[in-house]
Amino acid sequence: MGDDSEAQRIAEDGRLWQHTLHENTMLFQRGNLFLVGQSLFAVAYTTLLTTEKHLAAARILTAFGLVLALTWLYVGHRHRLYYRHVQARALQRLPDYAATWAGWTGRRRGLSITLIAYVLPCLAVVMWGALLLIT
């Protein structure tokens, strides 16, 4: 009987660890996808202004870029909140992970997540806002 409950706990811990890895990977993959999208919008914007001189189309593209950047910010924020919840469970249930996390001397543990979830989307919002004002 004890072997079954131990095997079940190990299986649950394995699923929790896989979930933690999956959520971390998803945050970065989404960030990369949004960054590529923003880059393509920026290229299209400059192409419209420099070669074809379509000011109205450039403004519309700028508005869409701004909406995409705000969506990136919202999605990143929601994902970061969920990831922190999953990570807290992993820290509670997985002693090796908790020991590694606690023993790491890096003072900026969440900096890369903050960069992907907040800093890059905010920079994109500022860029599109400024372009919308000057176009």
Protein backbone atom coordinates (compact mmCIF):
# COMPACT_ATOMS: atom_id res chain seq x y z
CA MET A 1 0.00 0.00 0.00
CA GLY A 2 2.83 2.42 0.88
CA ASP A 3 4.56 1.70 -2.42
CA ASP A 4 1.48 2.77 -4.39
CA SER A 5 1.17 6.11 -2.59
CA GLU A 6 4.91 6.75 -2.97
CA ALA A 7 4.75 5.93 -6.67
CA GLN A 8 1.73 8.22 -7.02
CA ARG A 9 3.56 11.06 -5.25
CA ILE A 10 6.61 10.63 -7.49
CA ALA A 11 4.38 10.66 -10.58
CA GLU A 12 2.61 13.82 -9.35
CA ASP A 13 5.94 15.51 -8.66
CA GLY A 14 7.14 14.55 -12.15
CA ARG A 15 4.03 16.08 -13.71
CA LEU A 16 4.48 19.23 -11.63
CA TRP A 17 8.10 19.53 -12.73
CA GLN A 18 7.10 19.06 -16.38
CA HIS A 19 4.38 21.67 -15.95
CA THR A 20 6.92 24.12 -14.51
CA LEU A 21 9.27 23.55 -17.44
CA HIS A 22 6.42 23.86 -19.92
CA GLU A 23 5.22 27.18 -18.50
CA ASN A 24 8.73 28.62 -18.51
CA THR A 25 9.24 27.53 -22.11
CA MET A 26 5.85 28.92 -23.16
CA LEU A 27 6.67 32.34 -21.71
CA PHE A 28 9.82 32.62 -23.80
CA GLN A 29 8.24 31.15 -26.93
CA ARG A 30 5.35 33.61 -26.74
CA GLY A 31 7.77 36.45 -26.13
CA ASN A 32 9.76 35.43 -29.21
CA LEU A 33 6.60 35.20 -31.30
CA PHE A 34 5.43 38.66 -30.25
CA LEU A 35 8.92 40.08 -30.84
CA VAL A 36 9.02 38.67 -34.36
CA GLY A 37 5.54 40.07 -34.99
CA GLN A 38 6.58 43.49 -33.74
CA SER A 39 9.68 43.38 -35.94
CA LEU A 40 7.61 42.55 -39.01
CA PHE A 41 5.22 45.40 -38.23
CA ALA A 42 8.18 47.78 -37.88
CA VAL A 43 9.61 46.67 -41.23
CA ALA A 44 6.22 47.07 -42.92
CA TYR A 45 5.82 50.52 -41.32
CA THR A 46 9.16 51.78 -42.58
CA THR A 47 8.55 50.28 -46.01
CA LEU A 48 5.22 52.09 -46.28
CA LEU A 49 6.76 55.42 -45.33
CA THR A 50 10.01 55.26 -47.26
CA THR A 51 9.12 53.61 -50.54
CA GLU A 52 5.43 54.05 -51.13
CA LYS A 53 4.63 57.07 -48.96
CA HIS A 54 1.26 55.73 -47.78
CA LEU A 55 0.73 57.80 -44.66
CA ALA A 56 -2.79 56.54 -43.90
CA ALA A 57 -1.71 52.90 -44.19
CA ALA A 58 1.31 53.60 -41.99
CA ARG A 59 -0.96 55.09 -39.31
CA ILE A 60 -3.26 52.08 -39.43
CA LEU A 61 -0.27 49.75 -39.17
CA THR A 62 1.01 51.78 -36.23
CA ALA A 63 -2.33 51.42 -34.44
CA PHE A 64 -2.26 47.66 -35.02
CA GLY A 65 1.33 47.54 -33.74
CA LEU A 66 0.25 49.37 -30.61
CA VAL A 67 -2.64 46.96 -30.05
CA LEU A 68 -0.29 44.00 -30.58
CA ALA A 69 2.18 45.45 -28.07
CA LEU A 70 -0.57 45.99 -25.49
CA THR A 71 -1.76 42.42 -26.09
CA TRP A 72 1.80 41.19 -25.56
CA LEU A 73 1.96 43.10 -22.27
CA TYR A 74 -1.38 41.65 -21.09
CA VAL A 75 -0.53 38.08 -22.12
CA GLY A 76 2.92 38.33 -20.53
CA HIS A 77 1.48 39.67 -17.29
CA ARG A 78 -1.15 36.92 -17.05
CA HIS A 79 1.39 34.24 -17.90
CA ARG A 80 3.90 35.55 -15.35
CA LEU A 81 1.24 35.43 -12.61
CA TYR A 82 0.34 31.86 -13.51
CA TYR A 83 3.98 30.82 -13.78
CA ARG A 84 4.69 32.22 -10.31
CA HIS A 85 1.79 30.13 -8.98
CA VAL A 86 3.12 26.96 -10.61
CA GLN A 87 6.65 27.74 -9.45
CA ALA A 88 5.47 28.25 -5.86
CA ARG A 89 3.89 24.80 -5.96
CA ALA A 90 7.11 23.34 -7.37
CA LEU A 91 9.18 25.03 -4.64
CA GLN A 92 6.84 23.57 -2.03
CA ARG A 93 6.72 20.04 -3.44
CA LEU A 94 10.17 19.54 -4.96
CA PRO A 95 12.93 19.79 -2.35
CA ASP A 96 15.80 19.63 -4.88
CA TYR A 97 14.32 22.49 -6.88
CA ALA A 98 13.69 24.52 -3.72
CA ALA A 99 17.27 23.96 -2.53
CA THR A 100 18.69 24.98 -5.90
CA TRP A 101 16.49 28.08 -6.05
CA ALA A 102 17.31 29.08 -2.46
CA GLY A 103 21.03 28.44 -2.92
CA TRP A 104 21.34 30.51 -6.06
CA THR A 105 23.04 33.77 -5.20
CA GLY A 106 21.74 35.69 -8.19
CA ARG A 107 19.92 38.71 -6.88
CA ARG A 108 17.90 39.18 -10.03
CA ARG A 109 16.29 35.78 -10.30
CA GLY A 110 13.21 36.92 -12.19
CA LEU A 111 14.90 39.48 -14.43
CA SER A 112 14.60 37.49 -17.67
CA ILE A 113 10.91 36.82 -17.03
CA THR A 114 10.34 40.49 -16.24
CA LEU A 115 12.19 41.46 -19.41
CA ILE A 116 10.04 39.20 -21.61
CA ALA A 117 6.74 39.90 -19.81
CA TYR A 118 7.05 43.65 -19.16
CA VAL A 119 10.10 45.53 -20.44
CA LEU A 120 10.04 44.50 -24.11
CA PRO A 121 6.26 44.97 -24.49
CA CYS A 122 6.47 48.37 -22.77
CA LEU A 123 9.25 49.44 -25.13
CA ALA A 124 7.09 48.38 -28.07
CA VAL A 125 4.14 50.37 -26.66
CA VAL A 126 6.34 53.46 -26.32
CA MET A 127 7.73 53.00 -29.84
CA TRP A 128 4.30 52.59 -31.47
CA GLY A 129 2.86 55.43 -29.41
CA ALA A 130 5.65 57.75 -30.49
CA LEU A 131 5.33 56.68 -34.14
CA LEU A 132 1.59 57.23 -33.99
CA LEU A 133 2.17 60.76 -32.69
CA ILE A 134 4.76 61.72 -35.29
CA THR A 135 3.14 60.06 -38.31
